[in-house]
Amino acid sequence: MKARWTADRIPDQRGRIAVVTGANSGLGLATARELARAGAHVVLACRNTAKGDAAAREIAETAPDARLDVSALDLGSLDSVRAFAERFGASHGGLDLLINNAGVMAPPRQVTADGFELQFGTNYLGHFALTARLLGLMQGGTDHRVVTVSSNAHRYGRIGFDDLQSERRYRRWRAYGQSKLANLLFAFELERRLRAAGSTVRSYAAHPGYAATNLQTTGPQGLDQRLMRVTNRVVAQSAGMGALPTLYAATYPGLPGGSFIGPDGVAQQRGYPRLVTPSRAARDQEVARRLWATSEELTGVRIEVSAGVAVG
């Protein structure tokens, strides 16, 4: 890779349709803004559509010709995921780019509308179901991509199949690490299945390093939150810099499927995008296959990956 890749090097995205989850703030907003500035038609998929509308207005200030839609999506509700996918399919003939970005980090234990632990349900299972329901719209043509956003926190995660929902013991940071490891396992397993089927779609993963967003202050509580308010000011890079690995994975020409992109700085905390190596746990194909099967069972959504992707 060439050094210091920045958003002004994004290829022309005119004629392409992108869905960005969690696009109302932080990394999602920065990602949606740069894709729109490059000409993509961007759907801002947001739990709070009022905040999504405000984000769309903010993007339009810097990209007056931007094509933007705001659509309700609560990744903590499988019904909301299904409804979003149905609306999108009814109004768009296809999808070029899916950015699985939205997430929550280290809150007190809560559950989603479907009874899943909030971080595992929102960060991972919601995106698994969303990808399953949109994948069929991505077949045909060229350069269709799914980019799933993970975190350096995947390195301390483990997939606890005996307690996936942290019902017996909840440790908020361990649960966050599990959800981000699950994101990576899914991204890599999806790529393997797409290649085996001869699909035209590619799957990628990215992580932002340490970027200053509201993720650090809306989930963590107490001392963790106070510390992160400080580190956001003095340590973290901007959301715009944190979005660069995702944008690189989404747009860099000829990028091999299954690539994992992160910052090039010390400990991958900040810097410009480059290929990075995931943990050994993220490359465990047996765990990935088991997680995939478990996810289909939990969500009730089954992905049959083929040259013509089908979802059941």
Protein backbone atom coordinates (compact mmCIF):
# COMPACT_ATOMS: atom_id res chain seq x y z
CA MET A 1 0.00 0.00 0.00
CA LYS A 2 1.06 3.58 -0.57
CA ALA A 3 1.59 5.66 2.56
CA ARG A 4 -0.80 8.34 3.77
CA TRP A 5 -3.92 7.34 1.89
CA THR A 6 -6.62 9.94 2.58
CA ALA A 7 -10.26 10.45 1.67
CA ASP A 8 -9.41 12.71 -1.24
CA ARG A 9 -8.09 9.61 -3.00
CA ILE A 10 -11.46 7.82 -2.98
CA PRO A 11 -12.33 6.87 -6.58
CA ASP A 12 -15.43 8.33 -8.21
CA GLN A 13 -18.45 6.68 -6.57
CA ARG A 14 -21.13 8.09 -8.87
CA GLY A 15 -23.74 5.48 -9.78
CA ARG A 16 -23.07 3.46 -6.62
CA ILE A 17 -25.50 2.95 -3.74
CA ALA A 18 -24.15 2.57 -0.20
CA VAL A 19 -25.81 1.73 3.12
CA VAL A 20 -23.98 2.96 6.23
CA THR A 21 -25.29 1.83 9.61
CA GLY A 22 -24.98 4.25 12.50
CA ALA A 23 -24.41 7.11 10.08
CA ASN A 24 -25.83 9.82 12.33
CA SER A 25 -22.59 10.41 14.28
CA GLY A 26 -18.94 9.52 14.75
CA LEU A 27 -17.30 7.09 12.36
CA GLY A 28 -20.54 6.41 10.51
CA LEU A 29 -21.16 10.08 9.82
CA ALA A 30 -17.58 10.57 8.63
CA THR A 31 -17.86 7.51 6.38
CA ALA A 32 -21.20 8.58 4.91
CA ARG A 33 -19.93 12.12 4.31
CA GLU A 34 -16.86 11.04 2.34
CA LEU A 35 -18.78 8.50 0.26
CA ALA A 36 -21.38 11.16 -0.55
CA ARG A 37 -18.67 13.69 -1.44
CA ALA A 38 -17.26 11.10 -3.86
CA GLY A 39 -20.65 10.83 -5.55
CA ALA A 40 -22.27 7.78 -3.97
CA HIS A 41 -25.97 7.66 -3.20
CA VAL A 42 -25.80 7.05 0.55
CA VAL A 43 -28.53 5.61 2.76
CA LEU A 44 -28.02 6.67 6.37
CA ALA A 45 -29.39 3.75 8.38
CA CYS A 46 -30.02 5.13 11.87
CA ARG A 47 -31.94 4.10 14.97
CA ASN A 48 -32.87 7.74 15.59
CA THR A 49 -34.07 9.23 12.30
CA ALA A 50 -34.20 12.77 13.70
CA LYS A 51 -30.46 12.53 14.32
CA GLY A 52 -30.11 10.95 10.89
CA ASP A 53 -31.87 13.92 9.30
CA ALA A 54 -29.53 16.30 11.15
CA ALA A 55 -26.55 14.30 9.89
CA ALA A 56 -27.87 14.46 6.32
CA ARG A 57 -28.16 18.24 6.59
CA GLU A 58 -24.59 18.42 7.91
CA ILE A 59 -23.31 16.32 5.00
CA ALA A 60 -25.23 18.45 2.50
CA GLU A 61 -23.42 21.55 3.76
CA THR A 62 -20.10 20.17 2.54
CA ALA A 63 -21.52 18.20 -0.41
CA PRO A 64 -24.47 20.19 -1.82
CA ASP A 65 -25.04 17.68 -4.63
CA ALA A 66 -25.07 14.68 -2.28
CA ARG A 67 -27.75 12.06 -2.78
CA LEU A 68 -28.85 11.06 0.70
CA ASP A 69 -31.67 9.06 2.23
CA VAL A 70 -32.37 8.48 5.92
CA SER A 71 -34.02 5.23 6.94
CA ALA A 72 -34.88 3.80 10.36
CA LEU A 73 -32.78 0.84 11.48
CA ASP A 74 -32.50 -0.48 15.02
CA LEU A 75 -29.94 -3.27 14.97
CA GLY A 76 -31.18 -4.37 18.38
CA SER A 77 -34.45 -5.47 16.80
CA LEU A 78 -34.63 -8.22 14.18
CA ASP A 79 -38.05 -6.90 13.17
CA SER A 80 -36.49 -3.50 12.46
CA VAL A 81 -33.72 -5.15 10.43
CA ARG A 82 -36.28 -7.03 8.36
CA ALA A 83 -38.40 -3.90 7.83
CA PHE A 84 -35.38 -1.85 6.76
CA ALA A 85 -34.30 -4.49 4.25
CA GLU A 86 -37.82 -4.71 2.83
CA ARG A 87 -38.05 -0.93 2.42
CA PHE A 88 -34.63 -0.76 0.84
CA GLY A 89 -35.37 -3.60 -1.56
CA ALA A 90 -38.66 -2.01 -2.60
CA SER A 91 -37.05 1.34 -3.41
CA HIS A 92 -33.66 0.33 -4.81
CA GLY A 93 -32.81 -2.09 -7.57
CA GLY A 94 -29.51 -3.12 -6.03
CA LEU A 95 -26.80 -2.37 -3.49
CA ASP A 96 -23.11 -1.78 -4.16
CA LEU A 97 -21.71 -1.17 -0.71
CA LEU A 98 -22.81 -2.20 2.78
CA ILE A 99 -20.92 -0.66 5.72
CA ASN A 100 -21.64 -2.56 8.95
CA ASN A 101 -20.51 0.23 11.28
CA ALA A 102 -22.98 0.91 14.10
CA GLY A 103 -22.22 -0.28 17.59
CA VAL A 104 -22.40 0.17 21.33
CA MET A 105 -19.51 -0.16 23.77
CA ALA A 106 -19.27 -1.37 27.37
CA PRO A 107 -22.66 -0.34 28.80
CA PRO A 108 -24.20 -1.92 31.91
CA ARG A 109 -25.81 -5.22 30.96
CA GLN A 110 -28.93 -4.72 28.86
CA VAL A 111 -30.77 -6.85 26.33
CA THR A 112 -32.12 -6.15 22.86
CA ALA A 113 -35.75 -6.39 21.81
CA ASP A 114 -35.08 -10.06 21.01
CA GLY A 115 -33.45 -10.83 24.37
CA PHE A 116 -29.80 -10.82 23.23
CA GLU A 117 -27.07 -9.19 25.29
CA LEU A 118 -26.98 -5.65 23.92
CA GLN A 119 -23.42 -5.59 22.56
CA PHE A 120 -23.52 -9.04 20.98
CA GLY A 121 -27.00 -8.41 19.64
CA THR A 122 -26.37 -4.93 18.22
CA ASN A 123 -22.74 -5.04 17.14
CA TYR A 124 -22.84 -8.53 15.70
CA LEU A 125 -26.17 -10.33 15.36
CA GLY A 126 -28.00 -7.30 13.98
CA HIS A 127 -25.35 -6.88 11.30
CA PHE A 128 -25.35 -10.61 10.55
CA ALA A 129 -29.10 -10.47 9.91
CA LEU A 130 -28.84 -7.22 7.92
CA THR A 131 -26.11 -8.62 5.68
CA ALA A 132 -28.15 -11.77 5.14
CA ARG A 133 -31.20 -9.79 4.06
CA LEU A 134 -29.34 -7.40 1.74
CA LEU A 135 -26.79 -9.73 0.19
CA GLY A 136 -29.11 -10.86 -2.57
CA LEU A 137 -29.28 -7.25 -3.84
CA MET A 138 -25.52 -7.15 -4.30
CA GLN A 139 -25.09 -9.86 -6.95
CA GLY A 140 -24.16 -9.07 -10.51
CA GLY A 141 -22.01 -6.28 -11.83
CA THR A 142 -18.63 -5.57 -10.32
CA ASP A 143 -17.05 -4.30 -7.11
CA HIS A 144 -19.82 -4.99 -4.65
CA ARG A 145 -18.48 -4.92 -1.10
CA VAL A 146 -19.49 -5.67 2.49
CA VAL A 147 -17.26 -3.90 5.02
CA THR A 148 -17.66 -4.90 8.67
CA VAL A 149 -16.14 -2.60 11.29
CA SER A 150 -14.35 -4.34 14.15
CA SER A 151 -11.97 -3.04 16.82
CA ASN A 152 -8.58 -3.70 18.35
CA ALA A 153 -10.69 -4.94 21.26
CA HIS A 154 -11.23 -8.16 19.29
CA ARG A 155 -7.79 -9.18 20.60
CA TYR A 156 -9.09 -9.72 24.14
CA GLY A 157 -12.39 -11.23 23.04
CA ARG A 158 -13.37 -14.88 22.99
CA ILE A 159 -16.54 -16.52 21.70
CA GLY A 160 -18.14 -18.00 24.80
CA PHE A 161 -20.51 -20.50 23.22
CA ASP A 162 -21.47 -21.68 26.71
CA ASP A 163 -22.67 -18.16 27.63
CA LEU A 164 -22.95 -16.02 24.49
CA GLN A 165 -25.46 -13.68 26.09
CA SER A 166 -23.41 -13.19 29.28
CA GLU A 167 -26.29 -14.40 31.41
CA ARG A 168 -24.16 -16.17 34.00
CA ARG A 169 -21.51 -13.47 34.23
CA TYR A 170 -21.40 -10.09 32.55
CA ARG A 171 -18.10 -8.29 32.14
CA ARG A 172 -18.81 -5.32 29.89
CA TRP A 173 -15.39 -5.06 28.25
CA ARG A 174 -15.13 -8.80 27.70
CA ALA A 175 -18.59 -8.73 26.10
CA TYR A 176 -17.49 -5.88 23.84
CA GLY A 177 -14.39 -7.81 22.81
CA GLN A 178 -16.54 -10.86 22.06
CA SER A 179 -18.83 -8.83 19.80
CA LYS A 180 -15.90 -7.36 17.88
CA LEU A 181 -14.21 -10.75 17.51
CA ALA A 182 -17.53 -12.06 16.18
CA ASN A 183 -17.55 -9.24 13.60
CA LEU A 184 -14.15 -10.35 12.30
CA LEU A 185 -14.95 -14.05 12.29
CA PHE A 186 -18.08 -13.26 10.30
CA ALA A 187 -16.32 -11.00 7.78
CA PHE A 188 -13.67 -13.63 7.03
CA GLU A 189 -16.12 -16.55 6.93
CA LEU A 190 -18.39 -14.57 4.59
CA GLU A 191 -15.44 -13.99 2.26
CA ARG A 192 -14.54 -17.69 2.25
CA ARG A 193 -18.11 -18.65 1.39
CA LEU A 194 -18.42 -16.00 -1.30
CA ARG A 195 -15.23 -17.19 -2.97
CA ALA A 196 -16.23 -20.84 -2.78
CA ALA A 197 -19.53 -19.96 -4.47
CA GLY A 198 -17.99 -17.86 -7.21
CA SER A 199 -19.85 -14.75 -6.07
CA THR A 200 -19.00 -11.27 -7.34
CA VAL A 201 -19.34 -9.80 -3.83
CA ARG A 202 -16.29 -9.24 -1.61
CA SER A 203 -16.16 -9.10 2.19
CA TYR A 204 -13.70 -6.91 4.11
CA ALA A 205 -13.05 -5.84 7.69
CA ALA A 206 -11.64 -2.63 9.17
CA HIS A 207 -10.95 -1.05 12.52
CA PRO A 208 -10.51 2.65 13.38
CA GLY A 209 -7.82 2.48 16.05
CA TYR A 210 -8.65 4.92 18.82
CA ALA A 211 -10.91 7.62 17.40
CA ALA A 212 -12.73 10.25 19.42
CA THR A 213 -16.48 9.63 19.08
CA ASN A 214 -19.47 9.51 21.38
CA LEU A 215 -19.06 5.72 21.57
CA GLN A 216 -16.65 6.17 24.47
CA THR A 217 -18.98 8.37 26.49
CA THR A 218 -22.47 6.98 25.88
CA GLY A 219 -21.77 3.36 26.90
CA PRO A 220 -19.06 3.17 29.55
CA GLN A 221 -20.04 4.37 33.01
CA GLY A 222 -18.32 5.87 36.04
CA LEU A 223 -14.53 5.96 36.05
CA ASP A 224 -14.30 4.43 32.56
CA GLN A 225 -16.37 7.26 31.14
CA ARG A 226 -14.39 9.96 32.92
CA LEU A 227 -11.09 8.51 31.73
CA MET A 228 -12.35 8.28 28.15
CA ARG A 229 -13.45 11.89 28.14
CA VAL A 230 -9.84 12.78 28.89
CA THR A 231 -8.24 10.36 26.42
CA ASN A 232 -10.65 11.46 23.69
CA ARG A 233 -9.17 14.94 24.05
CA VAL A 234 -5.48 14.14 24.44
CA VAL A 235 -4.85 10.71 22.86
CA ALA A 236 -7.47 9.85 20.25
CA GLN A 237 -7.42 10.79 16.59
CA SER A 238 -10.43 12.39 14.92
CA ALA A 239 -13.47 10.51 13.67
CA GLY A 240 -12.43 11.51 10.16
CA MET A 241 -9.08 9.78 10.59
CA GLY A 242 -10.74 6.80 12.28
CA ALA A 243 -13.04 6.37 9.28
CA LEU A 244 -10.16 6.09 6.80
CA PRO A 245 -9.62 2.31 7.20
CA THR A 246 -13.31 1.70 6.51
CA LEU A 247 -13.26 4.00 3.49
CA TYR A 248 -10.11 2.31 2.19
CA ALA A 249 -11.72 -1.13 2.53
CA ALA A 250 -14.84 0.20 0.82
CA THR A 251 -13.22 1.87 -2.16
CA TYR A 252 -9.57 0.99 -2.79
CA PRO A 253 -9.39 -0.49 -6.32
CA GLY A 254 -8.50 -4.16 -6.57
CA LEU A 255 -8.27 -4.77 -2.82
CA PRO A 256 -8.23 -8.54 -2.21
CA GLY A 257 -11.32 -9.90 -0.50
CA GLY A 258 -10.82 -10.78 3.16
CA SER A 259 -8.43 -7.85 3.73
CA PHE A 260 -8.36 -6.34 7.24
CA ILE A 261 -7.52 -2.63 7.29
CA GLY A 262 -6.42 -0.55 10.29
CA PRO A 263 -4.22 2.44 11.17
CA ASP A 264 -0.48 2.29 10.52
CA GLY A 265 0.66 3.90 13.78
CA VAL A 266 2.02 2.40 16.99
CA ALA A 267 -0.22 -0.44 18.23
CA GLN A 268 -2.63 0.46 15.40
CA GLN A 269 -4.12 3.21 17.56
CA ARG A 270 -3.87 6.04 15.04
CA GLY A 271 -2.57 6.83 11.59
CA TYR A 272 -3.31 6.13 7.95
CA PRO A 273 -4.87 2.91 6.60
CA ARG A 274 -2.87 -0.22 5.83
CA LEU A 275 -3.29 -3.96 5.84
CA VAL A 276 -3.13 -5.30 9.41
CA THR A 277 -3.06 -8.80 10.90
CA PRO A 278 -5.96 -9.97 13.06
CA SER A 279 -5.56 -12.12 16.16
CA ARG A 280 -5.18 -15.87 15.83
CA ALA A 281 -8.66 -16.27 17.32
CA ALA A 282 -10.13 -14.21 14.47
CA ARG A 283 -8.64 -16.65 11.95
CA ASP A 284 -10.08 -19.79 13.58
CA GLN A 285 -12.19 -21.28 10.80
CA GLU A 286 -13.80 -23.92 13.00
CA VAL A 287 -15.03 -21.29 15.45
CA ALA A 288 -16.18 -19.13 12.53
CA ARG A 289 -18.29 -21.95 11.08
CA ARG A 290 -19.80 -22.72 14.46
CA LEU A 291 -20.57 -19.04 15.09
CA TRP A 292 -22.19 -18.76 11.65
CA ALA A 293 -24.49 -21.72 12.34
CA THR A 294 -25.32 -20.39 15.82
CA SER A 295 -26.08 -16.96 14.37
CA GLU A 296 -28.48 -18.41 11.82
CA GLU A 297 -30.25 -20.26 14.63
CA LEU A 298 -30.46 -17.19 16.89
CA THR A 299 -31.62 -14.76 14.21
CA GLY A 300 -33.80 -17.13 12.21
CA VAL A 301 -32.08 -15.83 9.05
CA ARG A 302 -30.14 -18.31 6.93
CA ILE A 303 -27.60 -17.28 4.33
CA GLU A 304 -27.21 -19.61 1.37
CA VAL A 305 -24.22 -18.11 -0.39
CA SER A 306 -24.05 -18.95 -4.09
CA ALA A 307 -23.23 -17.21 -7.34
CA GLY A 308 -26.79 -15.95 -7.05
CA VAL A 309 -27.02 -15.26 -3.33
CA ALA A 310 -30.23 -16.49 -1.73
CA VAL A 311 -31.56 -15.71 1.72
CA GLY A 312 -34.07 -17.88 3.51
